[in-house]
Amino acid sequence: MKLMIASDIHGSSWYCRQMLEAYKKESADRLLLLGDLLYHGPRNDLPKEYAPKEVISMLNEVKQNLLCVRGNCDTEVDQMVLEFPVMAEYCLLEIDGLTMFATHGHVFHPDAPPKLKTGDILLNGHTHVPTCEDRDTFWYLNPGSVSIPKERSPHGYMVFENKKFLWKDMKGEIWKEKIFE
């Protein structure tokens, strides 16, 4: 199974469009969204082409391919207009012998992890900073942000396939990788 992982669209139709184009090019089986889909949040500037209604339409068109968890900027009102579930705090994925706990990162994060077994992977968004970190008993991975990257990171996403994670910019260029044996 090939999985594309992205986070923190924050209502940008410009970057949502780029993300969906990348999803098509990647030919991934599913797109896992780690929250903060429509609203930019009070601490963030408006992202390029802030147009939540357009983002709603674009995401609803691919609803059958989406897995999603709730971000701190996602609300029940968002669920009323999105045609796929967005209010789950987390989702557990077992792929290629790896267990991934996917959540936004405002509740469960590296300093307040969920109950994980040794070798499990904690997938977060929220910080807008791409990360691959060995936390002794678990791995912490973050794709960064689609629309509002921080710490000079690129607008980007991750791809997972055959026990390999690739961090890519919106053009699809790999700039980091992690292979789990």
C-alpha atoms as a PDB file:
ATOM      1  CA  MET A   1       0.000   0.000   0.000  1.00  0.00           C
ATOM      2  CA  LYS A   2       1.232   3.458  -0.903  1.00  0.00           C
ATOM      3  CA  LEU A   3       0.149   6.228   1.457  1.00  0.00           C
ATOM      4  CA  MET A   4       0.574   9.975   1.004  1.00  0.00           C
ATOM      5  CA  ILE A   5       0.619  11.913   4.296  1.00  0.00           C
ATOM      6  CA  ALA A   6      -0.035  15.653   4.522  1.00  0.00           C
ATOM      7  CA  SER A   7      -1.031  18.164   7.159  1.00  0.00           C
ATOM      8  CA  ASP A   8      -2.045  21.743   7.827  1.00  0.00           C
ATOM      9  CA  ILE A   9      -3.747  22.944   4.632  1.00  0.00           C
ATOM     10  CA  HIS A  10      -5.307  25.798   6.656  1.00  0.00           C
ATOM     11  CA  GLY A  11      -7.833  26.773   3.973  1.00  0.00           C
ATOM     12  CA  SER A  12      -5.348  27.498   1.180  1.00  0.00           C
ATOM     13  CA  SER A  13      -6.893  26.583  -2.154  1.00  0.00           C
ATOM     14  CA  TRP A  14      -3.518  27.218  -3.835  1.00  0.00           C
ATOM     15  CA  TYR A  15      -1.673  24.609  -1.768  1.00  0.00           C
ATOM     16  CA  CYS A  16      -4.606  22.201  -1.548  1.00  0.00           C
ATOM     17  CA  ARG A  17      -4.651  22.129  -5.351  1.00  0.00           C
ATOM     18  CA  GLN A  18      -0.892  21.446  -5.421  1.00  0.00           C
ATOM     19  CA  MET A  19      -1.277  18.720  -2.791  1.00  0.00           C
ATOM     20  CA  LEU A  20      -4.022  16.996  -4.794  1.00  0.00           C
ATOM     21  CA  GLU A  21      -1.949  17.229  -7.985  1.00  0.00           C
ATOM     22  CA  ALA A  22       0.958  15.625  -6.092  1.00  0.00           C
ATOM     23  CA  TYR A  23      -1.424  12.929  -4.830  1.00  0.00           C
ATOM     24  CA  LYS A  24      -2.371  12.077  -8.420  1.00  0.00           C
ATOM     25  CA  LYS A  25       1.271  12.006  -9.546  1.00  0.00           C
ATOM     26  CA  GLU A  26       2.230   9.795  -6.595  1.00  0.00           C
ATOM     27  CA  SER A  27      -0.540   7.308  -7.491  1.00  0.00           C
ATOM     28  CA  ALA A  28      -0.975   6.667  -3.775  1.00  0.00           C
ATOM     29  CA  ASP A  29      -3.759   4.391  -2.581  1.00  0.00           C
ATOM     30  CA  ARG A  30      -4.846   6.786   0.178  1.00  0.00           C
ATOM     31  CA  LEU A  31      -4.229  10.343   1.338  1.00  0.00           C
ATOM     32  CA  LEU A  32      -3.889  10.665   5.110  1.00  0.00           C
ATOM     33  CA  LEU A  33      -4.601  14.212   6.313  1.00  0.00           C
ATOM     34  CA  LEU A  34      -3.305  15.047   9.792  1.00  0.00           C
ATOM     35  CA  GLY A  35      -5.749  17.886  10.469  1.00  0.00           C
ATOM     36  CA  ASP A  36      -6.163  21.664  10.222  1.00  0.00           C
ATOM     37  CA  LEU A  37      -7.940  21.572   6.892  1.00  0.00           C
ATOM     38  CA  LEU A  38     -10.017  24.748   6.559  1.00  0.00           C
ATOM     39  CA  TYR A  39      -9.242  27.417   9.157  1.00  0.00           C
ATOM     40  CA  HIS A  40      -5.924  29.287   9.339  1.00  0.00           C
ATOM     41  CA  GLY A  41      -5.920  29.679  13.147  1.00  0.00           C
ATOM     42  CA  PRO A  42      -5.358  32.840  15.176  1.00  0.00           C
ATOM     43  CA  ARG A  43      -1.553  32.463  15.334  1.00  0.00           C
ATOM     44  CA  ASN A  44      -1.045  32.032  11.585  1.00  0.00           C
ATOM     45  CA  ASP A  45      -1.156  34.606   8.833  1.00  0.00           C
ATOM     46  CA  LEU A  46      -3.633  33.950   6.051  1.00  0.00           C
ATOM     47  CA  PRO A  47      -2.091  31.446   3.643  1.00  0.00           C
ATOM     48  CA  LYS A  48      -1.903  32.073  -0.105  1.00  0.00           C
ATOM     49  CA  GLU A  49      -5.373  31.981  -1.714  1.00  0.00           C
ATOM     50  CA  TYR A  50      -7.206  31.484   1.569  1.00  0.00           C
ATOM     51  CA  ALA A  51     -10.506  30.063   0.313  1.00  0.00           C
ATOM     52  CA  PRO A  52     -11.945  27.409   2.632  1.00  0.00           C
ATOM     53  CA  LYS A  53     -15.039  26.893   0.460  1.00  0.00           C
ATOM     54  CA  GLU A  54     -12.816  25.935  -2.480  1.00  0.00           C
ATOM     55  CA  VAL A  55     -10.831  23.569  -0.237  1.00  0.00           C
ATOM     56  CA  ILE A  56     -14.123  21.970   0.879  1.00  0.00           C
ATOM     57  CA  SER A  57     -15.089  21.335  -2.730  1.00  0.00           C
ATOM     58  CA  MET A  58     -11.667  19.943  -3.703  1.00  0.00           C
ATOM     59  CA  LEU A  59     -11.477  17.580  -0.723  1.00  0.00           C
ATOM     60  CA  ASN A  60     -15.075  16.390  -1.085  1.00  0.00           C
ATOM     61  CA  GLU A  61     -14.286  15.397  -4.687  1.00  0.00           C
ATOM     62  CA  VAL A  62     -11.693  12.873  -3.428  1.00  0.00           C
ATOM     63  CA  LYS A  63     -13.478  11.861  -0.212  1.00  0.00           C
ATOM     64  CA  GLN A  64     -13.317   8.133  -1.005  1.00  0.00           C
ATOM     65  CA  ASN A  65      -9.487   8.290  -0.903  1.00  0.00           C
ATOM     66  CA  LEU A  66      -9.110  10.239   2.352  1.00  0.00           C
ATOM     67  CA  LEU A  67      -8.239   9.220   5.881  1.00  0.00           C
ATOM     68  CA  CYS A  68      -8.350  12.147   8.266  1.00  0.00           C
ATOM     69  CA  VAL A  69      -7.822  13.116  11.900  1.00  0.00           C
ATOM     70  CA  ARG A  70      -8.989  16.294  13.650  1.00  0.00           C
ATOM     71  CA  GLY A  71      -6.618  19.198  14.084  1.00  0.00           C
ATOM     72  CA  ASN A  72      -6.878  21.892  16.730  1.00  0.00           C
ATOM     73  CA  CYS A  73      -8.416  24.239  14.131  1.00  0.00           C
ATOM     74  CA  ASP A  74     -11.036  21.698  12.957  1.00  0.00           C
ATOM     75  CA  THR A  75     -14.549  21.874  14.442  1.00  0.00           C
ATOM     76  CA  GLU A  76     -18.001  20.329  14.249  1.00  0.00           C
ATOM     77  CA  VAL A  77     -18.956  23.103  11.816  1.00  0.00           C
ATOM     78  CA  ASP A  78     -16.256  21.845   9.445  1.00  0.00           C
ATOM     79  CA  GLN A  79     -17.693  18.329   9.681  1.00  0.00           C
ATOM     80  CA  MET A  80     -21.065  19.711   8.533  1.00  0.00           C
ATOM     81  CA  VAL A  81     -19.597  20.701   5.142  1.00  0.00           C
ATOM     82  CA  LEU A  82     -17.017  17.953   4.639  1.00  0.00           C
ATOM     83  CA  GLU A  83     -18.367  14.650   3.301  1.00  0.00           C
ATOM     84  CA  PHE A  84     -15.786  12.450   5.029  1.00  0.00           C
ATOM     85  CA  PRO A  85     -15.013  11.953   8.739  1.00  0.00           C
ATOM     86  CA  VAL A  86     -12.702  14.620  10.200  1.00  0.00           C
ATOM     87  CA  MET A  87     -13.420  14.536  13.940  1.00  0.00           C
ATOM     88  CA  ALA A  88     -11.413  11.481  15.056  1.00  0.00           C
ATOM     89  CA  GLU A  89      -8.583  12.318  17.461  1.00  0.00           C
ATOM     90  CA  TYR A  90      -6.388   9.615  15.943  1.00  0.00           C
ATOM     91  CA  CYS A  91      -6.256   6.631  13.669  1.00  0.00           C
ATOM     92  CA  LEU A  92      -4.161   3.484  13.971  1.00  0.00           C
ATOM     93  CA  LEU A  93      -2.624   2.031  10.843  1.00  0.00           C
ATOM     94  CA  GLU A  94      -0.904  -1.349  10.474  1.00  0.00           C
ATOM     95  CA  ILE A  95       0.947  -1.422   7.160  1.00  0.00           C
ATOM     96  CA  ASP A  96       3.905  -3.588   6.138  1.00  0.00           C
ATOM     97  CA  GLY A  97       4.376  -4.757   9.726  1.00  0.00           C
ATOM     98  CA  LEU A  98       4.626  -1.204  11.067  1.00  0.00           C
ATOM     99  CA  THR A  99       2.156   0.336  13.514  1.00  0.00           C
ATOM    100  CA  MET A 100       1.467   4.036  13.018  1.00  0.00           C
ATOM    101  CA  PHE A 101      -0.497   6.200  15.434  1.00  0.00           C
ATOM    102  CA  ALA A 102      -1.663   9.151  13.329  1.00  0.00           C
ATOM    103  CA  THR A 103      -2.910  12.262  15.134  1.00  0.00           C
ATOM    104  CA  HIS A 104      -2.637  16.012  14.671  1.00  0.00           C
ATOM    105  CA  GLY A 105      -0.210  16.663  17.515  1.00  0.00           C
ATOM    106  CA  HIS A 106      -2.027  19.073  19.826  1.00  0.00           C
ATOM    107  CA  VAL A 107      -3.143  16.301  22.220  1.00  0.00           C
ATOM    108  CA  PHE A 108      -0.704  13.451  21.578  1.00  0.00           C
ATOM    109  CA  HIS A 109       2.824  14.488  20.619  1.00  0.00           C
ATOM    110  CA  PRO A 110       6.423  13.410  21.359  1.00  0.00           C
ATOM    111  CA  ASP A 111       6.370  14.897  24.863  1.00  0.00           C
ATOM    112  CA  ALA A 112       2.897  13.480  25.618  1.00  0.00           C
ATOM    113  CA  PRO A 113       2.736  10.304  23.533  1.00  0.00           C
ATOM    114  CA  PRO A 114      -0.111   7.805  23.508  1.00  0.00           C
ATOM    115  CA  LYS A 115       0.515   4.256  24.695  1.00  0.00           C
ATOM    116  CA  LEU A 116       2.906   2.929  22.064  1.00  0.00           C
ATOM    117  CA  LYS A 117       4.871  -0.276  21.764  1.00  0.00           C
ATOM    118  CA  THR A 118       8.592  -0.183  21.156  1.00  0.00           C
ATOM    119  CA  GLY A 119       9.202   0.563  17.475  1.00  0.00           C
ATOM    120  CA  ASP A 120       5.790   2.151  16.824  1.00  0.00           C
ATOM    121  CA  ILE A 121       5.554   5.358  14.823  1.00  0.00           C
ATOM    122  CA  LEU A 122       3.844   8.538  16.022  1.00  0.00           C
ATOM    123  CA  LEU A 123       2.683  10.620  13.034  1.00  0.00           C
ATOM    124  CA  ASN A 124       1.912  14.272  13.825  1.00  0.00           C
ATOM    125  CA  GLY A 125       1.278  17.497  11.988  1.00  0.00           C
ATOM    126  CA  HIS A 126       0.583  20.652  14.048  1.00  0.00           C
ATOM    127  CA  THR A 127       4.122  22.056  14.349  1.00  0.00           C
ATOM    128  CA  HIS A 128       4.494  22.705  10.599  1.00  0.00           C
ATOM    129  CA  VAL A 129       8.064  21.400  10.925  1.00  0.00           C
ATOM    130  CA  PRO A 130       9.105  18.210   9.072  1.00  0.00           C
ATOM    131  CA  THR A 131      10.654  15.772  11.536  1.00  0.00           C
ATOM    132  CA  CYS A 132      12.138  12.277  11.720  1.00  0.00           C
ATOM    133  CA  GLU A 133      13.252  11.570  15.250  1.00  0.00           C
ATOM    134  CA  ASP A 134      14.143   8.438  17.216  1.00  0.00           C
ATOM    135  CA  ARG A 135      12.546   8.897  20.653  1.00  0.00           C
ATOM    136  CA  ASP A 136      14.184   5.755  22.123  1.00  0.00           C
ATOM    137  CA  THR A 137      11.013   3.635  22.311  1.00  0.00           C
ATOM    138  CA  PHE A 138       9.119   5.072  19.332  1.00  0.00           C
ATOM    139  CA  TRP A 139       9.710   7.088  16.181  1.00  0.00           C
ATOM    140  CA  TYR A 140       8.252  10.566  15.731  1.00  0.00           C
ATOM    141  CA  LEU A 141       7.535  11.623  12.135  1.00  0.00           C
ATOM    142  CA  ASN A 142       5.996  14.850  10.872  1.00  0.00           C
ATOM    143  CA  PRO A 143       5.382  15.767   7.206  1.00  0.00           C
ATOM    144  CA  GLY A 144       5.533  19.524   7.885  1.00  0.00           C
ATOM    145  CA  SER A 145       2.858  21.766   6.408  1.00  0.00           C
ATOM    146  CA  VAL A 146       1.243  21.934   3.004  1.00  0.00           C
ATOM    147  CA  SER A 147       0.510  25.683   3.224  1.00  0.00           C
ATOM    148  CA  ILE A 148       2.343  27.339   6.155  1.00  0.00           C
ATOM    149  CA  PRO A 149       5.712  25.616   6.667  1.00  0.00           C
ATOM    150  CA  LYS A 150       7.922  26.793   9.521  1.00  0.00           C
ATOM    151  CA  GLU A 151      11.648  26.887  10.248  1.00  0.00           C
ATOM    152  CA  ARG A 152      12.488  27.414   6.560  1.00  0.00           C
ATOM    153  CA  SER A 153      11.110  24.023   5.592  1.00  0.00           C
ATOM    154  CA  PRO A 154       9.482  23.500   2.192  1.00  0.00           C
ATOM    155  CA  HIS A 155       5.763  23.286   1.521  1.00  0.00           C
ATOM    156  CA  GLY A 156       5.510  19.522   1.495  1.00  0.00           C
ATOM    157  CA  TYR A 157       4.211  16.079   2.368  1.00  0.00           C
ATOM    158  CA  MET A 158       5.410  12.522   2.988  1.00  0.00           C
ATOM    159  CA  VAL A 159       4.959   9.285   1.091  1.00  0.00           C
ATOM    160  CA  PHE A 160       5.048   5.854   2.741  1.00  0.00           C
ATOM    161  CA  GLU A 161       5.558   2.639   0.792  1.00  0.00           C
ATOM    162  CA  ASN A 162       7.447  -0.615   1.464  1.00  0.00           C
ATOM    163  CA  LYS A 163       8.613   0.504   4.937  1.00  0.00           C
ATOM    164  CA  LYS A 164      10.102   3.701   3.497  1.00  0.00           C
ATOM    165  CA  PHE A 165       9.060   7.277   4.296  1.00  0.00           C
ATOM    166  CA  LEU A 166       9.994  10.015   1.840  1.00  0.00           C
ATOM    167  CA  TRP A 167       9.658  13.723   2.597  1.00  0.00           C
ATOM    168  CA  LYS A 168       8.912  15.651  -0.579  1.00  0.00           C
ATOM    169  CA  ASP A 169       8.361  19.248  -1.574  1.00  0.00           C
ATOM    170  CA  MET A 170       5.244  20.146  -3.556  1.00  0.00           C
ATOM    171  CA  LYS A 171       7.111  19.497  -6.825  1.00  0.00           C
ATOM    172  CA  GLY A 172       7.654  15.896  -5.708  1.00  0.00           C
ATOM    173  CA  GLU A 173      11.387  16.251  -5.094  1.00  0.00           C
ATOM    174  CA  ILE A 174      12.708  14.070  -2.253  1.00  0.00           C
ATOM    175  CA  TRP A 175      14.685  15.890   0.381  1.00  0.00           C
ATOM    176  CA  LYS A 176      14.658  13.355   3.245  1.00  0.00           C
ATOM    177  CA  GLU A 177      14.025   9.635   3.716  1.00  0.00           C
ATOM    178  CA  LYS A 178      13.742   7.025   6.469  1.00  0.00           C
ATOM    179  CA  ILE A 179      13.672   3.273   5.865  1.00  0.00           C
ATOM    180  CA  PHE A 180      12.398   0.897   8.547  1.00  0.00           C
ATOM    181  CA  GLU A 181      13.949  -2.566   8.286  1.00  0.00           C
END
